[in-house]
Amino acid sequence: MIMTAYKALSTEKMGLNITPGTIFKMKIEGIDIPIKIQASLVGMVKNEYILITHPTPFATTKPKLYAGNGIIAQYQDGSDICVFGVKIMDAIMKPIRVVVLEYPDKIIRRKIRPET
């Protein structure tokens, strides 16, 4: 696959069009080893916050999930790859493990096109 030019879009009016269960590939500030970090979307409130499952692997990510730490999240939306960067608002461990993220101001969308 080849990535084409990207567009930075404001989320203020249109919001994010992501369904619960969508898988995010993530980079978490302070984790510099090349590991695959993933989490799933639980839900969101437009222009307020995004709720995700605790990223895996748990032992590696848990120490870096604190308020103010940065996350870059990437997910696929049809034929687009979408990326946004936000800060962690909180990490909740009980009664369930979820992470509360800021709602992004902007999202970058790139079309994926098959190699020719």
Protein backbone atom coordinates (compact mmCIF):
# COMPACT_ATOMS: atom_id res chain seq x y z
CA MET A 1 0.00 0.00 0.00
CA ILE A 2 1.07 3.55 -0.70
CA MET A 3 0.01 6.57 1.31
CA THR A 4 -1.18 9.59 -0.60
CA ALA A 5 -1.18 13.23 0.52
CA TYR A 6 -2.80 13.92 3.85
CA LYS A 7 -5.39 16.40 5.09
CA ALA A 8 -5.55 17.92 8.57
CA LEU A 9 -9.21 18.31 9.49
CA SER A 10 -10.80 20.10 12.43
CA THR A 11 -12.98 17.87 14.60
CA GLU A 12 -14.90 20.76 16.19
CA LYS A 13 -17.90 20.73 13.84
CA MET A 14 -17.85 17.29 12.22
CA GLY A 15 -16.55 15.28 15.19
CA LEU A 16 -14.92 11.88 14.87
CA ASN A 17 -16.69 9.11 13.01
CA ILE A 18 -15.38 6.11 14.96
CA THR A 19 -17.42 3.14 16.12
CA PRO A 20 -16.89 1.39 19.47
CA GLY A 21 -14.52 -1.54 19.10
CA THR A 22 -12.29 0.26 16.59
CA ILE A 23 -8.66 -0.75 17.16
CA PHE A 24 -6.10 2.00 17.75
CA LYS A 25 -2.39 1.47 17.13
CA MET A 26 -0.61 3.76 19.56
CA LYS A 27 2.63 5.43 20.53
CA ILE A 28 2.85 6.49 24.16
CA GLU A 29 5.26 9.19 25.26
CA GLY A 30 8.11 7.66 27.25
CA ILE A 31 7.91 4.20 25.66
CA ASP A 32 10.77 4.11 23.19
CA ILE A 33 11.12 0.37 22.61
CA PRO A 34 9.64 -0.89 19.33
CA ILE A 35 6.58 -2.78 20.57
CA LYS A 36 3.07 -3.04 19.20
CA ILE A 37 0.71 -1.07 21.45
CA GLN A 38 -3.03 -1.39 20.83
CA ALA A 39 -6.29 -0.38 22.48
CA SER A 40 -9.97 -0.42 21.50
CA LEU A 41 -12.44 2.45 21.48
CA VAL A 42 -15.04 2.12 24.24
CA GLY A 43 -16.88 5.38 23.52
CA MET A 44 -16.63 9.17 23.44
CA VAL A 45 -18.42 12.42 24.10
CA LYS A 46 -17.98 14.84 21.19
CA ASN A 47 -15.57 17.69 21.95
CA GLU A 48 -14.99 16.37 25.50
CA TYR A 49 -13.20 13.01 25.77
CA ILE A 50 -12.46 9.58 24.27
CA LEU A 51 -12.62 6.40 26.35
CA ILE A 52 -10.38 3.47 25.36
CA THR A 53 -9.50 0.08 26.82
CA HIS A 54 -6.22 -0.15 28.69
CA PRO A 55 -3.48 -0.43 26.02
CA THR A 56 -1.64 -3.73 25.70
CA PRO A 57 0.89 -4.92 26.68
CA PHE A 58 -0.32 -4.00 30.18
CA ALA A 59 3.00 -4.28 32.07
CA THR A 60 4.80 -1.98 29.60
CA THR A 61 2.11 0.68 29.25
CA LYS A 62 0.75 0.96 32.81
CA PRO A 63 3.62 3.14 34.20
CA LYS A 64 3.19 5.65 31.34
CA LEU A 65 -0.58 6.09 31.65
CA TYR A 66 -0.79 9.23 33.76
CA ALA A 67 -2.58 12.55 33.32
CA GLY A 68 -0.76 14.85 30.92
CA ASN A 69 1.29 12.19 29.12
CA GLY A 70 1.01 12.24 25.32
CA ILE A 71 -0.42 9.60 23.01
CA ILE A 72 -0.48 9.37 19.22
CA ALA A 73 -3.31 7.15 18.02
CA GLN A 74 -3.81 5.72 14.53
CA TYR A 75 -6.79 3.81 13.15
CA GLN A 76 -8.23 2.79 9.80
CA ASP A 77 -11.48 4.31 8.55
CA GLY A 78 -12.42 2.62 5.28
CA SER A 79 -9.70 3.53 2.79
CA ASP A 80 -8.21 6.20 5.09
CA ILE A 81 -5.60 6.03 7.83
CA CYS A 82 -6.44 8.55 10.55
CA VAL A 83 -3.98 9.89 13.12
CA PHE A 84 -4.35 12.24 16.07
CA GLY A 85 -2.29 13.28 19.06
CA VAL A 86 -3.79 13.96 22.50
CA LYS A 87 -2.99 13.95 26.22
CA ILE A 88 -4.19 11.43 28.77
CA MET A 89 -6.82 12.84 31.13
CA ASP A 90 -6.91 9.83 33.49
CA ALA A 91 -6.26 6.09 33.70
CA ILE A 92 -8.86 4.15 35.67
CA MET A 93 -7.94 0.71 37.02
CA LYS A 94 -11.09 -0.23 38.98
CA PRO A 95 -13.76 -1.43 38.48
CA ILE A 96 -12.57 -1.74 34.87
CA ARG A 97 -9.35 -0.72 33.14
CA VAL A 98 -10.01 2.23 30.85
CA VAL A 99 -8.08 5.32 29.80
CA VAL A 100 -9.68 8.73 29.29
CA LEU A 101 -8.11 10.79 26.50
CA GLU A 102 -8.64 14.40 25.50
CA TYR A 103 -10.86 14.85 22.45
CA PRO A 104 -8.59 15.85 19.53
CA ASP A 105 -8.82 19.30 17.94
CA LYS A 106 -7.53 18.01 14.62
CA ILE A 107 -7.21 14.68 12.88
CA ILE A 108 -4.94 13.83 9.96
CA ARG A 109 -6.49 11.64 7.25
CA ARG A 110 -4.48 9.93 4.53
CA LYS A 111 -5.88 7.89 1.69
CA ILE A 112 -4.49 4.41 1.20
CA ARG A 113 -4.22 3.31 -2.37
CA PRO A 114 -3.05 -0.06 -3.64
CA GLU A 115 0.40 -0.30 -5.21
CA THR A 116 0.36 -0.27 -8.98
